[in-house]
Amino acid sequence: MTPMNNPILQMMMSGMSPLQYLQQMAAGNPMVAQAVSLIQGKTPEQLHQIADNMAKQRGTTVEEIARQYGLPINNQTSEVNK
């Protein structure tokens, strides 16, 4: 993935918060709109559990997905859910 195709990099360069970026993407994509409605109002622990469940359905882990995108993982949250 080239840097300009990396949504995380695009979000950081635009100065938007992650939720603002997702809301902008949701305007033209019903799947993103559904994801935004799914995450609104959730605690970090709830979001981690949702991400964990989605990763398991795809046969991977949240940590592996984060590594693929070069994202740091907060190990404290991971330890709470073990």
PDB file of N, CA and C in Angstrom:
ATOM      1  N   MET A   1       0.851  -1.171   0.000  1.00  0.00           N
ATOM      2  CA  MET A   1       0.000   0.000   0.000  1.00  0.00           C
ATOM      3  C   MET A   1       0.897   1.235   0.000  1.00  0.00           C
ATOM      4  N   THR A   2       0.697   2.085  -0.982  1.00  0.00           N
ATOM      5  CA  THR A   2       1.501   3.296  -1.034  1.00  0.00           C
ATOM      6  C   THR A   2       0.993   4.285   0.000  1.00  0.00           C
ATOM      7  N   PRO A   3       1.848   5.210   0.450  1.00  0.00           N
ATOM      8  CA  PRO A   3       1.429   6.156   1.490  1.00  0.00           C
ATOM      9  C   PRO A   3       0.164   6.934   1.134  1.00  0.00           C
ATOM     10  N   MET A   4      -0.009   7.309  -0.129  1.00  0.00           N
ATOM     11  CA  MET A   4      -1.175   8.100  -0.495  1.00  0.00           C
ATOM     12  C   MET A   4      -2.448   7.256  -0.526  1.00  0.00           C
ATOM     13  N   ASN A   5      -2.320   5.940  -0.571  1.00  0.00           N
ATOM     14  CA  ASN A   5      -3.486   5.062  -0.529  1.00  0.00           C
ATOM     15  C   ASN A   5      -3.773   4.582   0.885  1.00  0.00           C
ATOM     16  N   ASN A   6      -2.976   4.995   1.845  1.00  0.00           N
ATOM     17  CA  ASN A   6      -3.144   4.578   3.226  1.00  0.00           C
ATOM     18  C   ASN A   6      -4.162   5.501   3.899  1.00  0.00           C
ATOM     19  N   PRO A   7      -5.347   4.971   4.263  1.00  0.00           N
ATOM     20  CA  PRO A   7      -6.361   5.837   4.867  1.00  0.00           C
ATOM     21  C   PRO A   7      -5.933   6.468   6.177  1.00  0.00           C
ATOM     22  N   ILE A   8      -5.108   5.766   6.950  1.00  0.00           N
ATOM     23  CA  ILE A   8      -4.635   6.330   8.225  1.00  0.00           C
ATOM     24  C   ILE A   8      -3.767   7.559   7.964  1.00  0.00           C
ATOM     25  N   LEU A   9      -2.871   7.461   7.001  1.00  0.00           N
ATOM     26  CA  LEU A   9      -2.007   8.586   6.650  1.00  0.00           C
ATOM     27  C   LEU A   9      -2.837   9.740   6.113  1.00  0.00           C
ATOM     28  N   GLN A  10      -3.822   9.443   5.273  1.00  0.00           N
ATOM     29  CA  GLN A  10      -4.683  10.494   4.734  1.00  0.00           C
ATOM     30  C   GLN A  10      -5.427  11.215   5.858  1.00  0.00           C
ATOM     31  N   MET A  11      -5.915  10.458   6.829  1.00  0.00           N
ATOM     32  CA  MET A  11      -6.629  11.055   7.953  1.00  0.00           C
ATOM     33  C   MET A  11      -5.704  11.977   8.742  1.00  0.00           C
ATOM     34  N   MET A  12      -4.492  11.499   9.014  1.00  0.00           N
ATOM     35  CA  MET A  12      -3.545  12.295   9.797  1.00  0.00           C
ATOM     36  C   MET A  12      -3.187  13.579   9.056  1.00  0.00           C
ATOM     37  N   MET A  13      -3.003  13.475   7.742  1.00  0.00           N
ATOM     38  CA  MET A  13      -2.629  14.645   6.954  1.00  0.00           C
ATOM     39  C   MET A  13      -3.771  15.659   6.875  1.00  0.00           C
ATOM     40  N   SER A  14      -5.013  15.193   6.939  1.00  0.00           N
ATOM     41  CA  SER A  14      -6.156  16.101   6.834  1.00  0.00           C
ATOM     42  C   SER A  14      -6.453  16.819   8.151  1.00  0.00           C
ATOM     43  N   GLY A  15      -5.904  16.307   9.263  1.00  0.00           N
ATOM     44  CA  GLY A  15      -6.144  16.920  10.565  1.00  0.00           C
ATOM     45  C   GLY A  15      -7.461  16.517  11.203  1.00  0.00           C
ATOM     46  N   MET A  16      -8.133  15.525  10.609  1.00  0.00           N
ATOM     47  CA  MET A  16      -9.417  15.075  11.148  1.00  0.00           C
ATOM     48  C   MET A  16      -9.204  14.044  12.251  1.00  0.00           C
ATOM     49  N   SER A  17     -10.207  13.960  13.121  1.00  0.00           N
ATOM     50  CA  SER A  17     -10.205  12.877  14.104  1.00  0.00           C
ATOM     51  C   SER A  17     -10.615  11.601  13.365  1.00  0.00           C
ATOM     52  N   PRO A  18     -10.328  10.446  13.940  1.00  0.00           N
ATOM     53  CA  PRO A  18     -10.753   9.201  13.276  1.00  0.00           C
ATOM     54  C   PRO A  18     -12.260   9.151  13.017  1.00  0.00           C
ATOM     55  N   LEU A  19     -13.065   9.624  13.961  1.00  0.00           N
ATOM     56  CA  LEU A  19     -14.508   9.586  13.770  1.00  0.00           C
ATOM     57  C   LEU A  19     -14.942  10.543  12.662  1.00  0.00           C
ATOM     58  N   GLN A  20     -14.343  11.732  12.603  1.00  0.00           N
ATOM     59  CA  GLN A  20     -14.658  12.678  11.532  1.00  0.00           C
ATOM     60  C   GLN A  20     -14.317  12.082  10.169  1.00  0.00           C
ATOM     61  N   TYR A  21     -13.168  11.423  10.088  1.00  0.00           N
ATOM     62  CA  TYR A  21     -12.738  10.812   8.834  1.00  0.00           C
ATOM     63  C   TYR A  21     -13.720   9.718   8.418  1.00  0.00           C
ATOM     64  N   LEU A  22     -14.130   8.885   9.370  1.00  0.00           N
ATOM     65  CA  LEU A  22     -15.086   7.829   9.063  1.00  0.00           C
ATOM     66  C   LEU A  22     -16.433   8.409   8.633  1.00  0.00           C
ATOM     67  N   GLN A  23     -16.864   9.478   9.278  1.00  0.00           N
ATOM     68  CA  GLN A  23     -18.133  10.095   8.902  1.00  0.00           C
ATOM     69  C   GLN A  23     -18.073  10.653   7.487  1.00  0.00           C
ATOM     70  N   GLN A  24     -16.930  11.215   7.114  1.00  0.00           N
ATOM     71  CA  GLN A  24     -16.759  11.720   5.751  1.00  0.00           C
ATOM     72  C   GLN A  24     -16.814  10.555   4.761  1.00  0.00           C
ATOM     73  N   MET A  25     -16.148   9.444   5.096  1.00  0.00           N
ATOM     74  CA  MET A  25     -16.169   8.275   4.226  1.00  0.00           C
ATOM     75  C   MET A  25     -17.565   7.664   4.162  1.00  0.00           C
ATOM     76  N   ALA A  26     -18.317   7.746   5.258  1.00  0.00           N
ATOM     77  CA  ALA A  26     -19.643   7.138   5.335  1.00  0.00           C
ATOM     78  C   ALA A  26     -20.639   7.811   4.400  1.00  0.00           C
ATOM     79  N   ALA A  27     -20.383   9.058   4.057  1.00  0.00           N
ATOM     80  CA  ALA A  27     -21.316   9.788   3.199  1.00  0.00           C
ATOM     81  C   ALA A  27     -21.533   9.071   1.869  1.00  0.00           C
ATOM     82  N   GLY A  28     -20.519   8.381   1.365  1.00  0.00           N
ATOM     83  CA  GLY A  28     -20.651   7.722   0.072  1.00  0.00           C
ATOM     84  C   GLY A  28     -20.577   6.215   0.128  1.00  0.00           C
ATOM     85  N   ASN A  29     -20.555   5.644   1.326  1.00  0.00           N
ATOM     86  CA  ASN A  29     -20.376   4.197   1.427  1.00  0.00           C
ATOM     87  C   ASN A  29     -21.242   3.642   2.559  1.00  0.00           C
ATOM     88  N   PRO A  30     -22.294   2.898   2.208  1.00  0.00           N
ATOM     89  CA  PRO A  30     -23.181   2.372   3.245  1.00  0.00           C
ATOM     90  C   PRO A  30     -22.483   1.450   4.237  1.00  0.00           C
ATOM     91  N   MET A  31     -21.463   0.719   3.814  1.00  0.00           N
ATOM     92  CA  MET A  31     -20.749  -0.162   4.744  1.00  0.00           C
ATOM     93  C   MET A  31     -19.993   0.647   5.787  1.00  0.00           C
ATOM     94  N   VAL A  32     -19.399   1.754   5.374  1.00  0.00           N
ATOM     95  CA  VAL A  32     -18.698   2.617   6.321  1.00  0.00           C
ATOM     96  C   VAL A  32     -19.715   3.276   7.249  1.00  0.00           C
ATOM     97  N   ALA A  33     -20.861   3.675   6.713  1.00  0.00           N
ATOM     98  CA  ALA A  33     -21.908   4.271   7.547  1.00  0.00           C
ATOM     99  C   ALA A  33     -22.344   3.289   8.630  1.00  0.00           C
ATOM    100  N   GLN A  34     -22.457   2.024   8.274  1.00  0.00           N
ATOM    101  CA  GLN A  34     -22.828   1.006   9.257  1.00  0.00           C
ATOM    102  C   GLN A  34     -21.737   0.863  10.315  1.00  0.00           C
ATOM    103  N   ALA A  35     -20.469   0.906   9.892  1.00  0.00           N
ATOM    104  CA  ALA A  35     -19.357   0.799  10.840  1.00  0.00           C
ATOM    105  C   ALA A  35     -19.352   1.986  11.797  1.00  0.00           C
ATOM    106  N   VAL A  36     -19.620   3.180  11.283  1.00  0.00           N
ATOM    107  CA  VAL A  36     -19.651   4.375  12.134  1.00  0.00           C
ATOM    108  C   VAL A  36     -20.748   4.242  13.179  1.00  0.00           C
ATOM    109  N   SER A  37     -21.926   3.780  12.763  1.00  0.00           N
ATOM    110  CA  SER A  37     -23.014   3.636  13.737  1.00  0.00           C
ATOM    111  C   SER A  37     -22.690   2.555  14.763  1.00  0.00           C
ATOM    112  N   LEU A  38     -21.915   1.558  14.358  1.00  0.00           N
ATOM    113  CA  LEU A  38     -21.522   0.483  15.255  1.00  0.00           C
ATOM    114  C   LEU A  38     -20.581   0.970  16.360  1.00  0.00           C
ATOM    115  N   ILE A  39     -19.666   1.890  16.021  1.00  0.00           N
ATOM    116  CA  ILE A  39     -18.644   2.297  16.995  1.00  0.00           C
ATOM    117  C   ILE A  39     -19.040   3.485  17.862  1.00  0.00           C
ATOM    118  N   GLN A  40     -20.030   4.262  17.440  1.00  0.00           N
ATOM    119  CA  GLN A  40     -20.398   5.448  18.218  1.00  0.00           C
ATOM    120  C   GLN A  40     -20.913   5.054  19.596  1.00  0.00           C
ATOM    121  N   GLY A  41     -20.392   5.723  20.614  1.00  0.00           N
ATOM    122  CA  GLY A  41     -20.839   5.519  21.981  1.00  0.00           C
ATOM    123  C   GLY A  41     -20.229   4.313  22.683  1.00  0.00           C
ATOM    124  N   LYS A  42     -19.290   3.646  22.049  1.00  0.00           N
ATOM    125  CA  LYS A  42     -18.676   2.456  22.646  1.00  0.00           C
ATOM    126  C   LYS A  42     -17.429   2.851  23.440  1.00  0.00           C
ATOM    127  N   THR A  43     -17.153   2.079  24.486  1.00  0.00           N
ATOM    128  CA  THR A  43     -15.926   2.279  25.260  1.00  0.00           C
ATOM    129  C   THR A  43     -14.759   1.657  24.499  1.00  0.00           C
ATOM    130  N   PRO A  44     -13.531   2.024  24.833  1.00  0.00           N
ATOM    131  CA  PRO A  44     -12.385   1.386  24.186  1.00  0.00           C
ATOM    132  C   PRO A  44     -12.392  -0.133  24.352  1.00  0.00           C
ATOM    133  N   GLU A  45     -12.826  -0.602  25.499  1.00  0.00           N
ATOM    134  CA  GLU A  45     -12.865  -2.056  25.721  1.00  0.00           C
ATOM    135  C   GLU A  45     -13.891  -2.722  24.802  1.00  0.00           C
ATOM    136  N   GLN A  46     -15.045  -2.082  24.637  1.00  0.00           N
ATOM    137  CA  GLN A  46     -16.069  -2.620  23.742  1.00  0.00           C
ATOM    138  C   GLN A  46     -15.578  -2.619  22.299  1.00  0.00           C
ATOM    139  N   LEU A  47     -14.906  -1.543  21.904  1.00  0.00           N
ATOM    140  CA  LEU A  47     -14.374  -1.467  20.540  1.00  0.00           C
ATOM    141  C   LEU A  47     -13.323  -2.543  20.301  1.00  0.00           C
ATOM    142  N   HIS A  48     -12.480  -2.792  21.306  1.00  0.00           N
ATOM    143  CA  HIS A  48     -11.460  -3.832  21.161  1.00  0.00           C
ATOM    144  C   HIS A  48     -12.124  -5.192  21.010  1.00  0.00           C
ATOM    145  N   GLN A  49     -13.169  -5.447  21.766  1.00  0.00           N
ATOM    146  CA  GLN A  49     -13.871  -6.727  21.671  1.00  0.00           C
ATOM    147  C   GLN A  49     -14.512  -6.895  20.296  1.00  0.00           C
ATOM    148  N   ILE A  50     -15.110  -5.824  19.771  1.00  0.00           N
ATOM    149  CA  ILE A  50     -15.705  -5.871  18.431  1.00  0.00           C
ATOM    150  C   ILE A  50     -14.630  -6.170  17.393  1.00  0.00           C
ATOM    151  N   ALA A  51     -13.505  -5.459  17.491  1.00  0.00           N
ATOM    152  CA  ALA A  51     -12.406  -5.677  16.546  1.00  0.00           C
ATOM    153  C   ALA A  51     -11.864  -7.096  16.658  1.00  0.00           C
ATOM    154  N   ASP A  52     -11.738  -7.581  17.878  1.00  0.00           N
ATOM    155  CA  ASP A  52     -11.254  -8.938  18.118  1.00  0.00           C
ATOM    156  C   ASP A  52     -12.179  -9.969  17.462  1.00  0.00           C
ATOM    157  N   ASN A  53     -13.486  -9.790  17.644  1.00  0.00           N
ATOM    158  CA  ASN A  53     -14.461 -10.707  17.057  1.00  0.00           C
ATOM    159  C   ASN A  53     -14.405 -10.671  15.527  1.00  0.00           C
ATOM    160  N   MET A  54     -14.280  -9.474  14.961  1.00  0.00           N
ATOM    161  CA  MET A  54     -14.218  -9.347  13.504  1.00  0.00           C
ATOM    162  C   MET A  54     -12.949 -10.001  12.959  1.00  0.00           C
ATOM    163  N   ALA A  55     -11.847  -9.818  13.648  1.00  0.00           N
ATOM    164  CA  ALA A  55     -10.587 -10.430  13.212  1.00  0.00           C
ATOM    165  C   ALA A  55     -10.691 -11.955  13.261  1.00  0.00           C
ATOM    166  N   LYS A  56     -11.274 -12.486  14.341  1.00  0.00           N
ATOM    167  CA  LYS A  56     -11.429 -13.937  14.472  1.00  0.00           C
ATOM    168  C   LYS A  56     -12.276 -14.502  13.341  1.00  0.00           C
ATOM    169  N   GLN A  57     -13.329 -13.775  12.945  1.00  0.00           N
ATOM    170  CA  GLN A  57     -14.173 -14.216  11.839  1.00  0.00           C
ATOM    171  C   GLN A  57     -13.371 -14.306  10.534  1.00  0.00           C
ATOM    172  N   ARG A  58     -12.329 -13.498  10.427  1.00  0.00           N
ATOM    173  CA  ARG A  58     -11.496 -13.487   9.226  1.00  0.00           C
ATOM    174  C   ARG A  58     -10.247 -14.355   9.363  1.00  0.00           C
ATOM    175  N   GLY A  59     -10.147 -15.060  10.490  1.00  0.00           N
ATOM    176  CA  GLY A  59      -9.025 -15.969  10.696  1.00  0.00           C
ATOM    177  C   GLY A  59      -7.710 -15.293  11.002  1.00  0.00           C
ATOM    178  N   THR A  60      -7.769 -14.124  11.639  1.00  0.00           N
ATOM    179  CA  THR A  60      -6.545 -13.403  11.990  1.00  0.00           C
ATOM    180  C   THR A  60      -6.725 -12.783  13.374  1.00  0.00           C
ATOM    181  N   THR A  61      -5.832 -11.886  13.738  1.00  0.00           N
ATOM    182  CA  THR A  61      -5.919 -11.187  15.023  1.00  0.00           C
ATOM    183  C   THR A  61      -5.865  -9.685  14.793  1.00  0.00           C
ATOM    184  N   VAL A  62      -6.334  -8.943  15.780  1.00  0.00           N
ATOM    185  CA  VAL A  62      -6.255  -7.478  15.719  1.00  0.00           C
ATOM    186  C   VAL A  62      -4.792  -7.052  15.608  1.00  0.00           C
ATOM    187  N   GLU A  63      -3.929  -7.733  16.363  1.00  0.00           N
ATOM    188  CA  GLU A  63      -2.505  -7.395  16.355  1.00  0.00           C
ATOM    189  C   GLU A  63      -1.899  -7.576  14.962  1.00  0.00           C
ATOM    190  N   GLU A  64      -2.274  -8.650  14.259  1.00  0.00           N
ATOM    191  CA  GLU A  64      -1.748  -8.902  12.917  1.00  0.00           C
ATOM    192  C   GLU A  64      -2.236  -7.834  11.936  1.00  0.00           C
ATOM    193  N   ILE A  65      -3.484  -7.463  12.034  1.00  0.00           N
ATOM    194  CA  ILE A  65      -4.014  -6.410  11.161  1.00  0.00           C
ATOM    195  C   ILE A  65      -3.294  -5.094  11.440  1.00  0.00           C
ATOM    196  N   ALA A  66      -3.093  -4.778  12.714  1.00  0.00           N
ATOM    197  CA  ALA A  66      -2.385  -3.549  13.076  1.00  0.00           C
ATOM    198  C   ALA A  66      -0.961  -3.556  12.534  1.00  0.00           C
ATOM    199  N   ARG A  67      -0.287  -4.704  12.642  1.00  0.00           N
ATOM    200  CA  ARG A  67       1.079  -4.821  12.101  1.00  0.00           C
ATOM    201  C   ARG A  67       1.091  -4.573  10.600  1.00  0.00           C
ATOM    202  N   GLN A  68       0.112  -5.096   9.895  1.00  0.00           N
ATOM    203  CA  GLN A  68       0.039  -4.911   8.442  1.00  0.00           C
ATOM    204  C   GLN A  68      -0.074  -3.440   8.067  1.00  0.00           C
ATOM    205  N   TYR A  69      -0.756  -2.667   8.910  1.00  0.00           N
ATOM    206  CA  TYR A  69      -0.935  -1.240   8.636  1.00  0.00           C
ATOM    207  C   TYR A  69       0.049  -0.351   9.388  1.00  0.00           C
ATOM    208  N   GLY A  70       0.960  -0.963  10.136  1.00  0.00           N
ATOM    209  CA  GLY A  70       1.962  -0.190  10.865  1.00  0.00           C
ATOM    210  C   GLY A  70       1.379   0.590  12.028  1.00  0.00           C
ATOM    211  N   LEU A  71       0.315   0.059  12.639  1.00  0.00           N
ATOM    212  CA  LEU A  71      -0.341   0.752  13.746  1.00  0.00           C
ATOM    213  C   LEU A  71       0.096   0.167  15.080  1.00  0.00           C
ATOM    214  N   PRO A  72       0.344   1.020  16.073  1.00  0.00           N
ATOM    215  CA  PRO A  72       0.692   0.512  17.397  1.00  0.00           C
ATOM    216  C   PRO A  72      -0.551  -0.044  18.087  1.00  0.00           C
ATOM    217  N   ILE A  73      -0.357  -1.033  18.928  1.00  0.00           N
ATOM    218  CA  ILE A  73      -1.450  -1.622  19.709  1.00  0.00           C
ATOM    219  C   ILE A  73      -1.205  -1.309  21.174  1.00  0.00           C
ATOM    220  N   ASN A  74      -2.245  -0.873  21.858  1.00  0.00           N
ATOM    221  CA  ASN A  74      -2.174  -0.618  23.293  1.00  0.00           C
ATOM    222  C   ASN A  74      -2.268  -1.958  24.007  1.00  0.00           C
ATOM    223  N   ASN A  75      -1.177  -2.450  24.543  1.00  0.00           N
ATOM    224  CA  ASN A  75      -1.152  -3.765  25.183  1.00  0.00           C
ATOM    225  C   ASN A  75      -1.980  -3.820  26.458  1.00  0.00           C
ATOM    226  N   GLN A  76      -2.231  -2.681  27.109  1.00  0.00           N
ATOM    227  CA  GLN A  76      -3.043  -2.682  28.317  1.00  0.00           C
ATOM    228  C   GLN A  76      -4.448  -3.176  28.011  1.00  0.00           C
ATOM    229  N   THR A  77      -5.031  -2.722  26.893  1.00  0.00           N
ATOM    230  CA  THR A  77      -6.360  -3.173  26.527  1.00  0.00           C
ATOM    231  C   THR A  77      -6.359  -4.654  26.220  1.00  0.00           C
ATOM    232  N   SER A  78      -5.314  -5.130  25.527  1.00  0.00           N
ATOM    233  CA  SER A  78      -5.222  -6.541  25.197  1.00  0.00           C
ATOM    234  C   SER A  78      -5.119  -7.398  26.456  1.00  0.00           C
ATOM    235  N   GLU A  79      -4.396  -6.912  27.439  1.00  0.00           N
ATOM    236  CA  GLU A  79      -4.211  -7.668  28.671  1.00  0.00           C
ATOM    237  C   GLU A  79      -5.507  -7.745  29.471  1.00  0.00           C
ATOM    238  N   VAL A  80      -6.335  -6.673  29.419  1.00  0.00           N
ATOM    239  CA  VAL A  80      -7.589  -6.661  30.167  1.00  0.00           C
ATOM    240  C   VAL A  80      -8.526  -7.756  29.668  1.00  0.00           C
ATOM    241  N   ASN A  81      -8.514  -8.015  28.358  1.00  0.00           N
ATOM    242  CA  ASN A  81      -9.450  -8.957  27.763  1.00  0.00           C
ATOM    243  C   ASN A  81      -8.979 -10.396  27.781  1.00  0.00           C
ATOM    244  N   LYS A  82      -7.823 -10.694  28.322  1.00  0.00           N
ATOM    245  CA  LYS A  82      -7.308 -12.062  28.333  1.00  0.00           C
ATOM    246  C   LYS A  82      -7.793 -12.807  29.539  1.00  0.00           C
TER     247      LYS A  82
END
